[in-house]
Amino acid sequence: FQQELLNLDELLFDMQVKGYRTILAHPERYNYYSRRRKRYEQLHNA
């Protein structure tokens, strides 16, 4: 809730390669995204 995981993109990609379907819990509660919603779109599109 303080900041995004530094290697979030790499972790999500690695998990997807291994066959996991990743679900981000309550992304609306991470207030550091509230003023940079393009980041939401990047994560969802990935």
ModelCIF file with pLDDT and N, C-alpha, C, O atoms, coordinates in Angstrom:
data_MODEL
#
_entry.id   MODEL 
#
_entity.id                         1 
_entity.type                       polymer 
_entity.pdbx_number_of_molecules   1 
#
_entity_poly.entity_id                      1 
_entity_poly.type                           'polypeptide(L)' 
_entity_poly.nstd_linkage                   no 
_entity_poly.nstd_monomer                   no 
_entity_poly.pdbx_seq_one_letter_code       FQQELLNLDELLFDMQVKGYRTILAHPERYNYYSRRRKRYEQLHNA 
_entity_poly.pdbx_seq_one_letter_code_can   FQQELLNLDELLFDMQVKGYRTILAHPERYNYYSRRRKRYEQLHNA 
_entity_poly.pdbx_strand_id                 A 
#
loop_
_entity_poly_seq.entity_id 
_entity_poly_seq.num 
_entity_poly_seq.mon_id 
_entity_poly_seq.hetero 
1 1  PHE n 
1 2  GLN n 
1 3  GLN n 
1 4  GLU n 
1 5  LEU n 
1 6  LEU n 
1 7  ASN n 
1 8  LEU n 
1 9  ASP n 
1 10 GLU n 
1 11 LEU n 
1 12 LEU n 
1 13 PHE n 
1 14 ASP n 
1 15 MET n 
1 16 GLN n 
1 17 VAL n 
1 18 LYS n 
1 19 GLY n 
1 20 TYR n 
1 21 ARG n 
1 22 THR n 
1 23 ILE n 
1 24 LEU n 
1 25 ALA n 
1 26 HIS n 
1 27 PRO n 
1 28 GLU n 
1 29 ARG n 
1 30 TYR n 
1 31 ASN n 
1 32 TYR n 
1 33 TYR n 
1 34 SER n 
1 35 ARG n 
1 36 ARG n 
1 37 ARG n 
1 38 LYS n 
1 39 ARG n 
1 40 TYR n 
1 41 GLU n 
1 42 GLN n 
1 43 LEU n 
1 44 HIS n 
1 45 ASN n 
1 46 ALA n 
#
_struct_asym.id          A 
_struct_asym.entity_id   1 
#
loop_
_ma_qa_metric.id 
_ma_qa_metric.mode 
_ma_qa_metric.name 
_ma_qa_metric.software_group_id 
_ma_qa_metric.type 
1 global pLDDT . pLDDT 
2 local  pLDDT . pLDDT 
#
_ma_qa_metric_global.metric_id      1 
_ma_qa_metric_global.metric_value   95.70 
_ma_qa_metric_global.model_id       1 
_ma_qa_metric_global.ordinal_id     1 
#
loop_
_ma_qa_metric_local.label_asym_id 
_ma_qa_metric_local.label_comp_id 
_ma_qa_metric_local.label_seq_id 
_ma_qa_metric_local.metric_id 
_ma_qa_metric_local.metric_value 
_ma_qa_metric_local.model_id 
_ma_qa_metric_local.ordinal_id 
A PHE 1  2 96.00 1 1  
A GLN 2  2 94.00 1 2  
A GLN 3  2 94.00 1 3  
A GLU 4  2 94.00 1 4  
A LEU 5  2 93.00 1 5  
A LEU 6  2 92.00 1 6  
A ASN 7  2 95.00 1 7  
A LEU 8  2 97.00 1 8  
A ASP 9  2 97.00 1 9  
A GLU 10 2 97.00 1 10 
A LEU 11 2 97.00 1 11 
A LEU 12 2 97.00 1 12 
A PHE 13 2 97.00 1 13 
A ASP 14 2 98.00 1 14 
A MET 15 2 98.00 1 15 
A GLN 16 2 97.00 1 16 
A VAL 17 2 97.00 1 17 
A LYS 18 2 97.00 1 18 
A GLY 19 2 97.00 1 19 
A TYR 20 2 98.00 1 20 
A ARG 21 2 97.00 1 21 
A THR 22 2 98.00 1 22 
A ILE 23 2 98.00 1 23 
A LEU 24 2 98.00 1 24 
A ALA 25 2 98.00 1 25 
A HIS 26 2 98.00 1 26 
A PRO 27 2 98.00 1 27 
A GLU 28 2 97.00 1 28 
A ARG 29 2 97.00 1 29 
A TYR 30 2 97.00 1 30 
A ASN 31 2 94.00 1 31 
A TYR 32 2 94.00 1 32 
A TYR 33 2 94.00 1 33 
A SER 34 2 87.00 1 34 
A ARG 35 2 86.00 1 35 
A ARG 36 2 91.00 1 36 
A ARG 37 2 94.00 1 37 
A LYS 38 2 95.00 1 38 
A ARG 39 2 96.00 1 39 
A TYR 40 2 96.00 1 40 
A GLU 41 2 96.00 1 41 
A GLN 42 2 96.00 1 42 
A LEU 43 2 97.00 1 43 
A HIS 44 2 97.00 1 44 
A ASN 45 2 96.00 1 45 
A ALA 46 2 95.00 1 46 
#
loop_
_atom_site.group_PDB 
_atom_site.id 
_atom_site.type_symbol 
_atom_site.label_atom_id 
_atom_site.label_alt_id 
_atom_site.label_comp_id 
_atom_site.label_asym_id 
_atom_site.label_entity_id 
_atom_site.label_seq_id 
_atom_site.pdbx_PDB_ins_code 
_atom_site.Cartn_x 
_atom_site.Cartn_y 
_atom_site.Cartn_z 
_atom_site.occupancy 
_atom_site.B_iso_or_equiv 
_atom_site.pdbx_formal_charge 
_atom_site.auth_seq_id 
_atom_site.auth_comp_id 
_atom_site.auth_asym_id 
_atom_site.auth_atom_id 
_atom_site.pdbx_PDB_model_num 
ATOM 1   N N  . PHE A 1 1  ? 0.821  -1.206  0.000   1.00 96.00 ? 1  PHE A N  1 
ATOM 2   C CA . PHE A 1 1  ? 0.000  0.000   0.000   1.00 96.00 ? 1  PHE A CA 1 
ATOM 3   C C  . PHE A 1 1  ? 0.860  1.263   0.000   1.00 96.00 ? 1  PHE A C  1 
ATOM 4   O O  . PHE A 1 1  ? 0.337  2.371   -0.125  1.00 96.00 ? 1  PHE A O  1 
ATOM 5   N N  . GLN A 1 2  ? 2.176  1.098   0.139   1.00 94.00 ? 2  GLN A N  1 
ATOM 6   C CA . GLN A 1 2  ? 3.075  2.255   0.137   1.00 94.00 ? 2  GLN A CA 1 
ATOM 7   C C  . GLN A 1 2  ? 3.611  2.580   -1.258  1.00 94.00 ? 2  GLN A C  1 
ATOM 8   O O  . GLN A 1 2  ? 3.677  3.743   -1.656  1.00 94.00 ? 2  GLN A O  1 
ATOM 9   N N  . GLN A 1 3  ? 3.991  1.535   -1.989  1.00 94.00 ? 3  GLN A N  1 
ATOM 10  C CA . GLN A 1 3  ? 4.539  1.745   -3.326  1.00 94.00 ? 3  GLN A CA 1 
ATOM 11  C C  . GLN A 1 3  ? 4.451  0.458   -4.131  1.00 94.00 ? 3  GLN A C  1 
ATOM 12  O O  . GLN A 1 3  ? 4.358  -0.636  -3.575  1.00 94.00 ? 3  GLN A O  1 
ATOM 13  N N  . GLU A 1 4  ? 4.484  0.610   -5.450  1.00 94.00 ? 4  GLU A N  1 
ATOM 14  C CA . GLU A 1 4  ? 4.433  -0.545  -6.330  1.00 94.00 ? 4  GLU A CA 1 
ATOM 15  C C  . GLU A 1 4  ? 5.704  -1.375  -6.193  1.00 94.00 ? 4  GLU A C  1 
ATOM 16  O O  . GLU A 1 4  ? 6.792  -0.835  -5.996  1.00 94.00 ? 4  GLU A O  1 
ATOM 17  N N  . LEU A 1 5  ? 5.557  -2.681  -6.298  1.00 93.00 ? 5  LEU A N  1 
ATOM 18  C CA . LEU A 1 5  ? 6.713  -3.568  -6.328  1.00 93.00 ? 5  LEU A CA 1 
ATOM 19  C C  . LEU A 1 5  ? 7.633  -3.156  -7.478  1.00 93.00 ? 5  LEU A C  1 
ATOM 20  O O  . LEU A 1 5  ? 7.173  -2.962  -8.604  1.00 93.00 ? 5  LEU A O  1 
ATOM 21  N N  . LEU A 1 6  ? 8.917  -3.025  -7.200  1.00 92.00 ? 6  LEU A N  1 
ATOM 22  C CA . LEU A 1 6  ? 9.852  -2.503  -8.195  1.00 92.00 ? 6  LEU A CA 1 
ATOM 23  C C  . LEU A 1 6  ? 9.916  -3.374  -9.450  1.00 92.00 ? 6  LEU A C  1 
ATOM 24  O O  . LEU A 1 6  ? 10.013 -2.852  -10.561 1.00 92.00 ? 6  LEU A O  1 
ATOM 25  N N  . ASN A 1 7  ? 9.864  -4.685  -9.281  1.00 95.00 ? 7  ASN A N  1 
ATOM 26  C CA . ASN A 1 7  ? 9.958  -5.584  -10.437 1.00 95.00 ? 7  ASN A CA 1 
ATOM 27  C C  . ASN A 1 7  ? 8.611  -6.206  -10.782 1.00 95.00 ? 7  ASN A C  1 
ATOM 28  O O  . ASN A 1 7  ? 8.544  -7.356  -11.216 1.00 95.00 ? 7  ASN A O  1 
ATOM 29  N N  . LEU A 1 8  ? 7.536  -5.441  -10.585 1.00 97.00 ? 8  LEU A N  1 
ATOM 30  C CA . LEU A 1 8  ? 6.187  -5.977  -10.793 1.00 97.00 ? 8  LEU A CA 1 
ATOM 31  C C  . LEU A 1 8  ? 5.994  -6.522  -12.205 1.00 97.00 ? 8  LEU A C  1 
ATOM 32  O O  . LEU A 1 8  ? 5.479  -7.627  -12.376 1.00 97.00 ? 8  LEU A O  1 
ATOM 33  N N  . ASP A 1 9  ? 6.396  -5.770  -13.203 1.00 97.00 ? 9  ASP A N  1 
ATOM 34  C CA . ASP A 1 9  ? 6.188  -6.223  -14.580 1.00 97.00 ? 9  ASP A CA 1 
ATOM 35  C C  . ASP A 1 9  ? 6.903  -7.538  -14.860 1.00 97.00 ? 9  ASP A C  1 
ATOM 36  O O  . ASP A 1 9  ? 6.352  -8.438  -15.493 1.00 97.00 ? 9  ASP A O  1 
ATOM 37  N N  . GLU A 1 10 ? 8.142  -7.635  -14.376 1.00 97.00 ? 10 GLU A N  1 
ATOM 38  C CA . GLU A 1 10 ? 8.918  -8.861  -14.584 1.00 97.00 ? 10 GLU A CA 1 
ATOM 39  C C  . GLU A 1 10 ? 8.282  -10.051 -13.878 1.00 97.00 ? 10 GLU A C  1 
ATOM 40  O O  . GLU A 1 10 ? 8.230  -11.152 -14.426 1.00 97.00 ? 10 GLU A O  1 
ATOM 41  N N  . LEU A 1 11 ? 7.798  -9.825  -12.654 1.00 97.00 ? 11 LEU A N  1 
ATOM 42  C CA . LEU A 1 11 ? 7.176  -10.908 -11.900 1.00 97.00 ? 11 LEU A CA 1 
ATOM 43  C C  . LEU A 1 11 ? 5.894  -11.386 -12.587 1.00 97.00 ? 11 LEU A C  1 
ATOM 44  O O  . LEU A 1 11 ? 5.685  -12.589 -12.745 1.00 97.00 ? 11 LEU A O  1 
ATOM 45  N N  . LEU A 1 12 ? 5.046  -10.457 -12.991 1.00 97.00 ? 12 LEU A N  1 
ATOM 46  C CA . LEU A 1 12 ? 3.803  -10.840 -13.649 1.00 97.00 ? 12 LEU A CA 1 
ATOM 47  C C  . LEU A 1 12 ? 4.075  -11.612 -14.929 1.00 97.00 ? 12 LEU A C  1 
ATOM 48  O O  . LEU A 1 12 ? 3.392  -12.594 -15.221 1.00 97.00 ? 12 LEU A O  1 
ATOM 49  N N  . PHE A 1 13 ? 5.071  -11.174 -15.696 1.00 97.00 ? 13 PHE A N  1 
ATOM 50  C CA . PHE A 1 13 ? 5.414  -11.868 -16.940 1.00 97.00 ? 13 PHE A CA 1 
ATOM 51  C C  . PHE A 1 13 ? 5.917  -13.276 -16.634 1.00 97.00 ? 13 PHE A C  1 
ATOM 52  O O  . PHE A 1 13 ? 5.519  -14.238 -17.290 1.00 97.00 ? 13 PHE A O  1 
ATOM 53  N N  . ASP A 1 14 ? 6.790  -13.394 -15.637 1.00 98.00 ? 14 ASP A N  1 
ATOM 54  C CA . ASP A 1 14 ? 7.345  -14.695 -15.272 1.00 98.00 ? 14 ASP A CA 1 
ATOM 55  C C  . ASP A 1 14 ? 6.247  -15.657 -14.834 1.00 98.00 ? 14 ASP A C  1 
ATOM 56  O O  . ASP A 1 14 ? 6.256  -16.831 -15.202 1.00 98.00 ? 14 ASP A O  1 
ATOM 57  N N  . MET A 1 15 ? 5.305  -15.152 -14.047 1.00 98.00 ? 15 MET A N  1 
ATOM 58  C CA . MET A 1 15 ? 4.217  -16.007 -13.572 1.00 98.00 ? 15 MET A CA 1 
ATOM 59  C C  . MET A 1 15 ? 3.322  -16.449 -14.719 1.00 98.00 ? 15 MET A C  1 
ATOM 60  O O  . MET A 1 15 ? 2.877  -17.596 -14.760 1.00 98.00 ? 15 MET A O  1 
ATOM 61  N N  . GLN A 1 16 ? 3.060  -15.544 -15.646 1.00 97.00 ? 16 GLN A N  1 
ATOM 62  C CA . GLN A 1 16 ? 2.218  -15.891 -16.786 1.00 97.00 ? 16 GLN A CA 1 
ATOM 63  C C  . GLN A 1 16 ? 2.903  -16.924 -17.672 1.00 97.00 ? 16 GLN A C  1 
ATOM 64  O O  . GLN A 1 16 ? 2.249  -17.823 -18.199 1.00 97.00 ? 16 GLN A O  1 
ATOM 65  N N  . VAL A 1 17 ? 4.211  -16.800 -17.839 1.00 97.00 ? 17 VAL A N  1 
ATOM 66  C CA . VAL A 1 17 ? 4.971  -17.784 -18.615 1.00 97.00 ? 17 VAL A CA 1 
ATOM 67  C C  . VAL A 1 17 ? 4.870  -19.165 -17.964 1.00 97.00 ? 17 VAL A C  1 
ATOM 68  O O  . VAL A 1 17 ? 4.823  -20.180 -18.659 1.00 97.00 ? 17 VAL A O  1 
ATOM 69  N N  . LYS A 1 18 ? 4.836  -19.200 -16.640 1.00 97.00 ? 18 LYS A N  1 
ATOM 70  C CA . LYS A 1 18 ? 4.752  -20.465 -15.902 1.00 97.00 ? 18 LYS A CA 1 
ATOM 71  C C  . LYS A 1 18 ? 3.324  -21.007 -15.819 1.00 97.00 ? 18 LYS A C  1 
ATOM 72  O O  . LYS A 1 18 ? 3.079  -22.042 -15.198 1.00 97.00 ? 18 LYS A O  1 
ATOM 73  N N  . GLY A 1 19 ? 2.392  -20.301 -16.448 1.00 97.00 ? 19 GLY A N  1 
ATOM 74  C CA . GLY A 1 19 ? 1.028  -20.822 -16.520 1.00 97.00 ? 19 GLY A CA 1 
ATOM 75  C C  . GLY A 1 19 ? 0.049  -20.275 -15.510 1.00 97.00 ? 19 GLY A C  1 
ATOM 76  O O  . GLY A 1 19 ? -1.110 -20.687 -15.488 1.00 97.00 ? 19 GLY A O  1 
ATOM 77  N N  . TYR A 1 20 ? 0.495  -19.345 -14.665 1.00 98.00 ? 20 TYR A N  1 
ATOM 78  C CA . TYR A 1 20 ? -0.418 -18.732 -13.711 1.00 98.00 ? 20 TYR A CA 1 
ATOM 79  C C  . TYR A 1 20 ? -1.222 -17.624 -14.384 1.00 98.00 ? 20 TYR A C  1 
ATOM 80  O O  . TYR A 1 20 ? -0.720 -16.932 -15.269 1.00 98.00 ? 20 TYR A O  1 
ATOM 81  N N  . ARG A 1 21 ? -2.460 -17.463 -13.963 1.00 97.00 ? 21 ARG A N  1 
ATOM 82  C CA . ARG A 1 21 ? -3.298 -16.349 -14.400 1.00 97.00 ? 21 ARG A CA 1 
ATOM 83  C C  . ARG A 1 21 ? -3.346 -15.353 -13.244 1.00 97.00 ? 21 ARG A C  1 
ATOM 84  O O  . ARG A 1 21 ? -3.984 -15.609 -12.222 1.00 97.00 ? 21 ARG A O  1 
ATOM 85  N N  . THR A 1 22 ? -2.684 -14.245 -13.407 1.00 98.00 ? 22 THR A N  1 
ATOM 86  C CA . THR A 1 22 ? -2.495 -13.316 -12.301 1.00 98.00 ? 22 THR A CA 1 
ATOM 87  C C  . THR A 1 22 ? -3.679 -12.353 -12.161 1.00 98.00 ? 22 THR A C  1 
ATOM 88  O O  . THR A 1 22 ? -4.159 -11.779 -13.138 1.00 98.00 ? 22 THR A O  1 
ATOM 89  N N  . ILE A 1 23 ? -4.128 -12.198 -10.921 1.00 98.00 ? 23 ILE A N  1 
ATOM 90  C CA . ILE A 1 23 ? -5.207 -11.269 -10.580 1.00 98.00 ? 23 ILE A CA 1 
ATOM 91  C C  . ILE A 1 23 ? -4.665 -10.300 -9.540  1.00 98.00 ? 23 ILE A C  1 
ATOM 92  O O  . ILE A 1 23 ? -4.184 -10.721 -8.489  1.00 98.00 ? 23 ILE A O  1 
ATOM 93  N N  . LEU A 1 24 ? -4.739 -9.009  -9.827  1.00 98.00 ? 24 LEU A N  1 
ATOM 94  C CA . LEU A 1 24 ? -4.294 -7.996  -8.874  1.00 98.00 ? 24 LEU A CA 1 
ATOM 95  C C  . LEU A 1 24 ? -5.456 -7.658  -7.951  1.00 98.00 ? 24 LEU A C  1 
ATOM 96  O O  . LEU A 1 24 ? -6.506 -7.191  -8.394  1.00 98.00 ? 24 LEU A O  1 
ATOM 97  N N  . ALA A 1 25 ? -5.248 -7.904  -6.649  1.00 98.00 ? 25 ALA A N  1 
ATOM 98  C CA . ALA A 1 25 ? -6.284 -7.642  -5.656  1.00 98.00 ? 25 ALA A CA 1 
ATOM 99  C C  . ALA A 1 25 ? -6.495 -6.152  -5.463  1.00 98.00 ? 25 ALA A C  1 
ATOM 100 O O  . ALA A 1 25 ? -5.537 -5.385  -5.365  1.00 98.00 ? 25 ALA A O  1 
ATOM 101 N N  . HIS A 1 26 ? -7.753 -5.753  -5.409  1.00 98.00 ? 26 HIS A N  1 
ATOM 102 C CA . HIS A 1 26 ? -8.201 -4.369  -5.142  1.00 98.00 ? 26 HIS A CA 1 
ATOM 103 C C  . HIS A 1 26 ? -7.229 -3.278  -5.609  1.00 98.00 ? 26 HIS A C  1 
ATOM 104 O O  . HIS A 1 26 ? -6.724 -2.522  -4.780  1.00 98.00 ? 26 HIS A O  1 
ATOM 105 N N  . PRO A 1 27 ? -6.961 -3.180  -6.897  1.00 98.00 ? 27 PRO A N  1 
ATOM 106 C CA . PRO A 1 27 ? -6.034 -2.145  -7.385  1.00 98.00 ? 27 PRO A CA 1 
ATOM 107 C C  . PRO A 1 27 ? -6.523 -0.728  -7.084  1.00 98.00 ? 27 PRO A C  1 
ATOM 108 O O  . PRO A 1 27 ? -5.721 0.204   -7.039  1.00 98.00 ? 27 PRO A O  1 
ATOM 109 N N  . GLU A 1 28 ? -7.821 -0.559  -6.880  1.00 97.00 ? 28 GLU A N  1 
ATOM 110 C CA . GLU A 1 28 ? -8.352 0.771   -6.571  1.00 97.00 ? 28 GLU A CA 1 
ATOM 111 C C  . GLU A 1 28 ? -7.872 1.299   -5.221  1.00 97.00 ? 28 GLU A C  1 
ATOM 112 O O  . GLU A 1 28 ? -7.981 2.495   -4.952  1.00 97.00 ? 28 GLU A O  1 
ATOM 113 N N  . ARG A 1 29 ? -7.343 0.418   -4.371  1.00 97.00 ? 29 ARG A N  1 
ATOM 114 C CA . ARG A 1 29 ? -6.917 0.832   -3.037  1.00 97.00 ? 29 ARG A CA 1 
ATOM 115 C C  . ARG A 1 29 ? -5.457 1.288   -2.994  1.00 97.00 ? 29 ARG A C  1 
ATOM 116 O O  . ARG A 1 29 ? -4.998 1.784   -1.965  1.00 97.00 ? 29 ARG A O  1 
ATOM 117 N N  . TYR A 1 30 ? -4.729 1.129   -4.090  1.00 97.00 ? 30 TYR A N  1 
ATOM 118 C CA . TYR A 1 30 ? -3.336 1.589   -4.130  1.00 97.00 ? 30 TYR A CA 1 
ATOM 119 C C  . TYR A 1 30 ? -3.348 3.044   -4.585  1.00 97.00 ? 30 TYR A C  1 
ATOM 120 O O  . TYR A 1 30 ? -3.325 3.331   -5.782  1.00 97.00 ? 30 TYR A O  1 
ATOM 121 N N  . ASN A 1 31 ? -3.385 3.951   -3.629  1.00 94.00 ? 31 ASN A N  1 
ATOM 122 C CA . ASN A 1 31 ? -3.601 5.360   -3.945  1.00 94.00 ? 31 ASN A CA 1 
ATOM 123 C C  . ASN A 1 31 ? -2.482 5.982   -4.778  1.00 94.00 ? 31 ASN A C  1 
ATOM 124 O O  . ASN A 1 31 ? -2.679 7.024   -5.404  1.00 94.00 ? 31 ASN A O  1 
ATOM 125 N N  . TYR A 1 32 ? -1.304 5.343   -4.786  1.00 94.00 ? 32 TYR A N  1 
ATOM 126 C CA . TYR A 1 32 ? -0.215 5.894   -5.602  1.00 94.00 ? 32 TYR A CA 1 
ATOM 127 C C  . TYR A 1 32 ? -0.507 5.769   -7.091  1.00 94.00 ? 32 TYR A C  1 
ATOM 128 O O  . TYR A 1 32 ? 0.194  6.369   -7.906  1.00 94.00 ? 32 TYR A O  1 
ATOM 129 N N  . TYR A 1 33 ? -1.535 4.997   -7.462  1.00 94.00 ? 33 TYR A N  1 
ATOM 130 C CA . TYR A 1 33 ? -1.931 4.900   -8.865  1.00 94.00 ? 33 TYR A CA 1 
ATOM 131 C C  . TYR A 1 33 ? -3.006 5.914   -9.243  1.00 94.00 ? 33 TYR A C  1 
ATOM 132 O O  . TYR A 1 33 ? -3.259 6.129   -10.428 1.00 94.00 ? 33 TYR A O  1 
ATOM 133 N N  . SER A 1 34 ? -3.638 6.537   -8.257  1.00 87.00 ? 34 SER A N  1 
ATOM 134 C CA . SER A 1 34 ? -4.848 7.323   -8.533  1.00 87.00 ? 34 SER A CA 1 
ATOM 135 C C  . SER A 1 34 ? -4.609 8.496   -9.470  1.00 87.00 ? 34 SER A C  1 
ATOM 136 O O  . SER A 1 34 ? -5.528 8.927   -10.166 1.00 87.00 ? 34 SER A O  1 
ATOM 137 N N  . ARG A 1 35 ? -3.377 9.024   -9.500  1.00 86.00 ? 35 ARG A N  1 
ATOM 138 C CA . ARG A 1 35 ? -3.068 10.148  -10.393 1.00 86.00 ? 35 ARG A CA 1 
ATOM 139 C C  . ARG A 1 35 ? -2.221 9.723   -11.596 1.00 86.00 ? 35 ARG A C  1 
ATOM 140 O O  . ARG A 1 35 ? -1.749 10.558  -12.367 1.00 86.00 ? 35 ARG A O  1 
ATOM 141 N N  . ARG A 1 36 ? -2.043 8.432   -11.736 1.00 91.00 ? 36 ARG A N  1 
ATOM 142 C CA . ARG A 1 36 ? -1.299 7.924   -12.900 1.00 91.00 ? 36 ARG A CA 1 
ATOM 143 C C  . ARG A 1 36 ? -2.007 6.671   -13.432 1.00 91.00 ? 36 ARG A C  1 
ATOM 144 O O  . ARG A 1 36 ? -1.472 5.562   -13.420 1.00 91.00 ? 36 ARG A O  1 
ATOM 145 N N  . ARG A 1 37 ? -3.210 6.903   -13.887 1.00 94.00 ? 37 ARG A N  1 
ATOM 146 C CA . ARG A 1 37 ? -4.063 5.782   -14.283 1.00 94.00 ? 37 ARG A CA 1 
ATOM 147 C C  . ARG A 1 37 ? -3.613 5.106   -15.568 1.00 94.00 ? 37 ARG A C  1 
ATOM 148 O O  . ARG A 1 37 ? -4.086 4.018   -15.896 1.00 94.00 ? 37 ARG A O  1 
ATOM 149 N N  . LYS A 1 38 ? -2.703 5.743   -16.295 1.00 95.00 ? 38 LYS A N  1 
ATOM 150 C CA . LYS A 1 38 ? -2.116 5.063   -17.450 1.00 95.00 ? 38 LYS A CA 1 
ATOM 151 C C  . LYS A 1 38 ? -1.410 3.783   -17.011 1.00 95.00 ? 38 LYS A C  1 
ATOM 152 O O  . LYS A 1 38 ? -1.332 2.812   -17.763 1.00 95.00 ? 38 LYS A O  1 
ATOM 153 N N  . ARG A 1 39 ? -0.897 3.799   -15.781 1.00 96.00 ? 39 ARG A N  1 
ATOM 154 C CA . ARG A 1 39 ? -0.225 2.607   -15.254 1.00 96.00 ? 39 ARG A CA 1 
ATOM 155 C C  . ARG A 1 39 ? -1.213 1.456   -15.100 1.00 96.00 ? 39 ARG A C  1 
ATOM 156 O O  . ARG A 1 39 ? -0.872 0.302   -15.359 1.00 96.00 ? 39 ARG A O  1 
ATOM 157 N N  . TYR A 1 40 ? -2.429 1.767   -14.680 1.00 96.00 ? 40 TYR A N  1 
ATOM 158 C CA . TYR A 1 40 ? -3.465 0.742   -14.630 1.00 96.00 ? 40 TYR A CA 1 
ATOM 159 C C  . TYR A 1 40 ? -3.647 0.114   -16.013 1.00 96.00 ? 40 TYR A C  1 
ATOM 160 O O  . TYR A 1 40 ? -3.722 -1.108  -16.144 1.00 96.00 ? 40 TYR A O  1 
ATOM 161 N N  . GLU A 1 41 ? -3.716 0.956   -17.032 1.00 96.00 ? 41 GLU A N  1 
ATOM 162 C CA . GLU A 1 41 ? -3.922 0.463   -18.392 1.00 96.00 ? 41 GLU A CA 1 
ATOM 163 C C  . GLU A 1 41 ? -2.758 -0.405  -18.844 1.00 96.00 ? 41 GLU A C  1 
ATOM 164 O O  . GLU A 1 41 ? -2.961 -1.422  -19.507 1.00 96.00 ? 41 GLU A O  1 
ATOM 165 N N  . GLN A 1 42 ? -1.530 -0.008  -18.486 1.00 96.00 ? 42 GLN A N  1 
ATOM 166 C CA . GLN A 1 42 ? -0.352 -0.803  -18.840 1.00 96.00 ? 42 GLN A CA 1 
ATOM 167 C C  . GLN A 1 42 ? -0.424 -2.197  -18.223 1.00 96.00 ? 42 GLN A C  1 
ATOM 168 O O  . GLN A 1 42 ? -0.181 -3.196  -18.899 1.00 96.00 ? 42 GLN A O  1 
ATOM 169 N N  . LEU A 1 43 ? -0.756 -2.254  -16.951 1.00 97.00 ? 43 LEU A N  1 
ATOM 170 C CA . LEU A 1 43 ? -0.821 -3.539  -16.258 1.00 97.00 ? 43 LEU A CA 1 
ATOM 171 C C  . LEU A 1 43 ? -1.929 -4.423  -16.817 1.00 97.00 ? 43 LEU A C  1 
ATOM 172 O O  . LEU A 1 43 ? -1.741 -5.622  -17.019 1.00 97.00 ? 43 LEU A O  1 
ATOM 173 N N  . HIS A 1 44 ? -3.073 -3.821  -17.060 1.00 97.00 ? 44 HIS A N  1 
ATOM 174 C CA . HIS A 1 44 ? -4.214 -4.592  -17.570 1.00 97.00 ? 44 HIS A CA 1 
ATOM 175 C C  . HIS A 1 44 ? -3.936 -5.089  -18.982 1.00 97.00 ? 44 HIS A C  1 
ATOM 176 O O  . HIS A 1 44 ? -4.247 -6.233  -19.313 1.00 97.00 ? 44 HIS A O  1 
ATOM 177 N N  . ASN A 1 45 ? -3.358 -4.242  -19.803 1.00 96.00 ? 45 ASN A N  1 
ATOM 178 C CA . ASN A 1 45 ? -3.035 -4.639  -21.176 1.00 96.00 ? 45 ASN A CA 1 
ATOM 179 C C  . ASN A 1 45 ? -1.960 -5.726  -21.217 1.00 96.00 ? 45 ASN A C  1 
ATOM 180 O O  . ASN A 1 45 ? -1.889 -6.501  -22.171 1.00 96.00 ? 45 ASN A O  1 
ATOM 181 N N  . ALA A 1 46 ? -1.120 -5.778  -20.169 1.00 95.00 ? 46 ALA A N  1 
ATOM 182 C CA . ALA A 1 46 ? -0.058 -6.788  -20.106 1.00 95.00 ? 46 ALA A CA 1 
ATOM 183 C C  . ALA A 1 46 ? -0.576 -8.131  -19.592 1.00 95.00 ? 46 ALA A C  1 
ATOM 184 O O  . ALA A 1 46 ? 0.192  -9.086  -19.480 1.00 95.00 ? 46 ALA A O  1 
#
